[in-house]
Structure formats: C-alpha cells, structure tokens
Amino acid sequence: DNGAKVINLSLGGSSDSATLKDAVAYAYQKGVTVIAAAGNDSSATLSYPAAYDAYVIAVGATQYDETKAPYSNYGPGLDLVAPGGNNNLDQNSDGYADGVLQQTFQKNGRTISWGYYFFQGTSMAAPHVSGVAALVFAKGNATTPDEVRAALQEKADDLGATGWDETYGWGLVNAYGALGWM
C-alpha cells in the first residue's frame, strides 16, 4: 500500500498459514515481487512463505563453489539459488569461513556490540535475489511481478540438470543477465 515493489522475506516456518498466504497474495496482487528464503532444514520441502509458489519467488542457497549448500531446502517450487554461504568451509582458502559477511549486532545481556560477522542460510541468499529484482524494476525492463520472475528465471545461470531442477530451480541468480532481459 506504500509503494514497495520488492519485498524480501528472509524468514520461514514449517506450517501453512491462511493469514500469511493472504498477505503475500495481497502484495502480489498489488504488483509487488515477493522473494522468500527456502529454508535451512536440508529438506525437499520449502518453508512458508517460500512454498506459496503462485505469489513468491523461493530462493535456495549455494556455497562458495556454487553447489547447493548442505543446509538449503530444495524441491518443488524452488525458483532460484543465490550465495548463502557455508561457515563450515573455507573453499577459497582466505582463512575465513565461507559465510556471507554482514554488518550487524550481537547482544550480550544489556550490551550491544556492532561488527561484521559471517552468517549462512537461505536468509542470506534471498536478499541477493531481492536486490537484483529491485534493479530490474528500476531499469524498467520488467514492471510486474511475473515479468520480474521471468527475467530472473530466464537469465539465471543453469546449474545441475539442464533447465529447472529440484536442487537449483532455474539456477544461480545472474544480475547482468536479468538487467538485459526483455
């Protein structure tokens, strides 16, 4: 209602909810592209709201070598993957965990300390796709949620089996490709 064109939902749960489904359907019907994290259960079932395929672009996670991160959910309804990190590996041999570096805070009792921390998860992957979706809207080559979805899916870097598959969806988000979509 306030003009948003892209909503990132780096959250999820295992239960269907009429209220949640109605909320993402409402946003979609208002012209908003809704993008959600697939979940971190290493399950062939997507978390909600990512599982609402008609209204939401579901995003799984890859690790540094562009393979599915071991925690990432996958399966029917998965649309894309994006970097989600893996704090258990250092595949690029830089001496740090291969998580997604994020500035945030940690709370210890009443003390809050700000800093940079490595995180992993589909909640780290979904913002990559949301950012690309926002760029596609800003450029003007896609103006509806269905067009944004098409741009993201058609221009993704295909990983795994040719075309859509349950592990990678349509593939790894490709910002350059999506911005060239028409």
Protein backbone atom coordinates (compact mmCIF):
# COMPACT_ATOMS: atom_id res chain seq x y z
CA ASP A 1 0.00 0.00 0.00
CA ASN A 2 3.01 2.31 0.45
CA GLY A 3 4.61 1.74 -2.94
CA ALA A 4 7.02 -1.13 -2.34
CA LYS A 5 7.91 -3.04 -5.50
CA VAL A 6 10.03 -5.80 -3.91
CA ILE A 7 9.66 -7.46 -0.52
CA ASN A 8 12.37 -9.73 0.89
CA LEU A 9 11.22 -12.31 3.44
CA SER A 10 14.35 -13.81 4.97
CA LEU A 11 12.25 -15.90 7.29
CA GLY A 12 10.24 -19.06 7.22
CA GLY A 13 8.32 -21.68 9.06
CA SER A 14 7.11 -25.22 8.58
CA SER A 15 3.37 -24.53 8.80
CA ASP A 16 0.93 -23.26 6.23
CA SER A 17 -0.99 -20.19 7.37
CA ALA A 18 -4.06 -18.66 5.74
CA THR A 19 -3.04 -15.25 7.12
CA LEU A 20 0.47 -15.48 5.68
CA LYS A 21 -0.80 -16.76 2.34
CA ASP A 22 -3.36 -13.96 2.16
CA ALA A 23 -0.67 -11.39 2.96
CA VAL A 24 1.72 -12.47 0.19
CA ALA A 25 -1.19 -12.86 -2.25
CA TYR A 26 -2.31 -9.32 -1.41
CA ALA A 27 1.20 -7.94 -2.02
CA TYR A 28 1.49 -9.84 -5.30
CA GLN A 29 -1.90 -8.56 -6.47
CA LYS A 30 -0.71 -5.01 -5.68
CA GLY A 31 2.24 -5.50 -8.07
CA VAL A 32 4.88 -6.43 -5.50
CA THR A 33 7.53 -9.07 -6.23
CA VAL A 34 7.79 -11.19 -3.08
CA ILE A 35 11.00 -13.15 -2.53
CA ALA A 36 11.47 -15.60 0.34
CA ALA A 37 14.09 -17.90 1.83
CA ALA A 38 13.52 -21.59 1.01
CA GLY A 39 14.55 -22.78 4.48
CA ASN A 40 17.58 -24.29 6.21
CA ASP A 41 16.45 -27.83 7.01
CA SER A 42 18.17 -29.65 4.13
CA SER A 43 14.65 -30.76 3.29
CA ALA A 44 12.90 -31.44 -0.02
CA THR A 45 10.05 -29.26 1.25
CA LEU A 46 10.16 -25.47 1.12
CA SER A 47 9.41 -23.38 4.17
CA TYR A 48 6.50 -20.95 4.22
CA PRO A 49 6.08 -18.37 2.72
CA ALA A 50 8.53 -19.62 0.04
CA ALA A 51 6.17 -22.55 -0.60
CA TYR A 52 3.46 -20.20 -1.93
CA ASP A 53 4.73 -20.61 -5.48
CA ALA A 54 1.95 -18.60 -7.14
CA TYR A 55 2.95 -15.46 -5.24
CA VAL A 56 6.53 -15.91 -4.05
CA ILE A 57 9.95 -16.46 -5.63
CA ALA A 58 11.60 -19.17 -3.48
CA VAL A 59 15.38 -18.92 -3.06
CA GLY A 60 17.76 -21.69 -2.00
CA ALA A 61 21.42 -21.26 -1.07
CA THR A 62 24.73 -22.13 -2.68
CA GLN A 63 28.16 -22.22 -1.09
CA TYR A 64 31.41 -20.79 -2.50
CA ASP A 65 31.84 -23.46 -5.21
CA GLU A 66 28.27 -22.81 -6.46
CA THR A 67 26.96 -26.17 -5.30
CA LYS A 68 23.89 -26.41 -3.08
CA ALA A 69 24.71 -25.50 0.49
CA PRO A 70 24.16 -28.59 2.67
CA TYR A 71 21.51 -26.90 4.84
CA SER A 72 19.46 -25.43 1.96
CA ASN A 73 15.94 -26.66 1.32
CA TYR A 74 15.12 -27.69 -2.23
CA GLY A 75 12.33 -29.40 -4.15
CA PRO A 76 9.13 -28.49 -5.97
CA GLY A 77 8.55 -24.75 -6.02
CA LEU A 78 12.22 -23.74 -5.77
CA ASP A 79 12.83 -20.91 -8.23
CA LEU A 80 16.44 -19.78 -7.87
CA VAL A 81 19.58 -20.12 -5.79
CA ALA A 82 21.99 -17.44 -4.63
CA PRO A 83 25.07 -17.24 -2.41
CA GLY A 84 24.10 -18.29 1.11
CA GLY A 85 27.50 -19.25 2.47
CA ASN A 86 28.79 -22.18 4.47
CA ASN A 87 30.52 -21.39 7.76
CA ASN A 88 31.89 -24.93 7.96
CA LEU A 89 34.17 -24.47 4.93
CA ASP A 90 36.94 -22.24 3.61
CA GLN A 91 36.83 -23.23 -0.06
CA ASN A 92 38.53 -20.03 -1.22
CA SER A 93 41.40 -20.56 1.28
CA ASP A 94 41.32 -17.00 2.61
CA GLY A 95 41.47 -18.10 6.24
CA TYR A 96 37.85 -17.21 6.96
CA ALA A 97 34.65 -19.25 6.99
CA ASP A 98 32.78 -19.02 3.69
CA GLY A 99 29.75 -17.33 5.19
CA VAL A 100 28.13 -14.16 3.93
CA LEU A 101 29.75 -11.19 5.65
CA GLN A 102 27.19 -8.95 7.27
CA GLN A 103 27.33 -5.90 9.49
CA THR A 104 25.00 -6.42 12.42
CA PHE A 105 24.99 -6.51 16.18
CA GLN A 106 25.39 -9.11 18.85
CA LYS A 107 23.65 -8.73 22.16
CA ASN A 108 25.25 -9.93 25.39
CA GLY A 109 22.93 -9.14 28.26
CA ARG A 110 22.36 -5.40 28.09
CA THR A 111 25.41 -4.76 25.93
CA ILE A 112 25.11 -4.46 22.17
CA SER A 113 28.24 -4.61 20.04
CA TRP A 114 28.20 -3.81 16.34
CA GLY A 115 30.56 -5.57 13.99
CA TYR A 116 30.99 -7.73 10.92
CA TYR A 117 30.05 -11.39 11.21
CA PHE A 118 29.84 -14.35 8.84
CA PHE A 119 26.40 -15.88 8.52
CA GLN A 120 24.97 -18.67 6.42
CA GLY A 121 21.47 -19.54 5.28
CA THR A 122 18.80 -19.09 2.70
CA SER A 123 18.07 -15.86 4.58
CA MET A 124 21.44 -14.66 3.28
CA ALA A 125 20.63 -15.85 -0.27
CA ALA A 126 17.18 -14.26 -0.66
CA PRO A 127 18.47 -10.65 -0.39
CA HIS A 128 20.76 -11.24 -3.37
CA VAL A 129 17.71 -12.08 -5.48
CA SER A 130 15.71 -9.21 -3.97
CA GLY A 131 18.45 -6.76 -4.90
CA VAL A 132 18.51 -7.99 -8.49
CA ALA A 133 14.71 -7.80 -8.64
CA ALA A 134 14.89 -4.16 -7.47
CA LEU A 135 17.46 -3.38 -10.16
CA VAL A 136 15.25 -4.96 -12.82
CA PHE A 137 12.31 -2.79 -11.67
CA ALA A 138 14.50 0.31 -11.52
CA LYS A 139 15.78 -0.22 -15.05
CA GLY A 140 12.20 -0.57 -16.26
CA ASN A 141 12.61 -3.70 -18.36
CA ALA A 142 10.15 -5.50 -16.08
CA THR A 143 7.19 -3.81 -14.43
CA THR A 144 5.12 -6.64 -12.96
CA PRO A 145 5.96 -9.48 -10.55
CA ASP A 146 5.50 -12.00 -13.38
CA GLU A 147 7.93 -10.11 -15.62
CA VAL A 148 10.49 -9.86 -12.81
CA ARG A 149 10.15 -13.60 -12.19
CA ALA A 150 10.63 -14.29 -15.90
CA ALA A 151 13.72 -12.06 -16.07
CA LEU A 152 15.29 -13.73 -13.03
CA GLN A 153 14.48 -17.29 -14.09
CA GLU A 154 15.24 -16.98 -17.81
CA LYS A 155 18.60 -15.32 -17.22
CA ALA A 156 19.78 -17.43 -14.26
CA ASP A 157 22.99 -19.44 -14.68
CA ASP A 158 21.76 -23.01 -15.12
CA LEU A 159 23.28 -25.36 -12.55
CA GLY A 160 22.66 -29.09 -12.17
CA ALA A 161 20.34 -30.78 -14.67
CA THR A 162 19.54 -28.73 -17.78
CA GLY A 163 16.57 -26.43 -17.20
CA TRP A 164 14.62 -26.39 -13.97
CA ASP A 165 15.56 -28.95 -11.32
CA GLU A 166 14.69 -29.52 -7.66
CA THR A 167 18.20 -28.73 -6.43
CA TYR A 168 18.84 -25.36 -8.11
CA GLY A 169 15.45 -24.30 -9.51
CA TRP A 170 16.19 -22.34 -12.68
CA GLY A 171 19.74 -21.70 -11.48
CA LEU A 172 22.02 -19.15 -9.85
CA VAL A 173 20.74 -15.56 -9.96
CA ASN A 174 22.54 -13.52 -12.64
CA ALA A 175 22.22 -9.75 -12.20
CA TYR A 176 23.84 -8.84 -15.51
CA GLY A 177 21.64 -11.25 -17.42
CA ALA A 178 18.44 -10.14 -15.69
CA LEU A 179 19.20 -6.48 -16.44
CA GLY A 180 19.48 -7.40 -20.13
CA TRP A 181 16.16 -9.27 -20.17
CA MET A 182 13.42 -8.05 -22.48
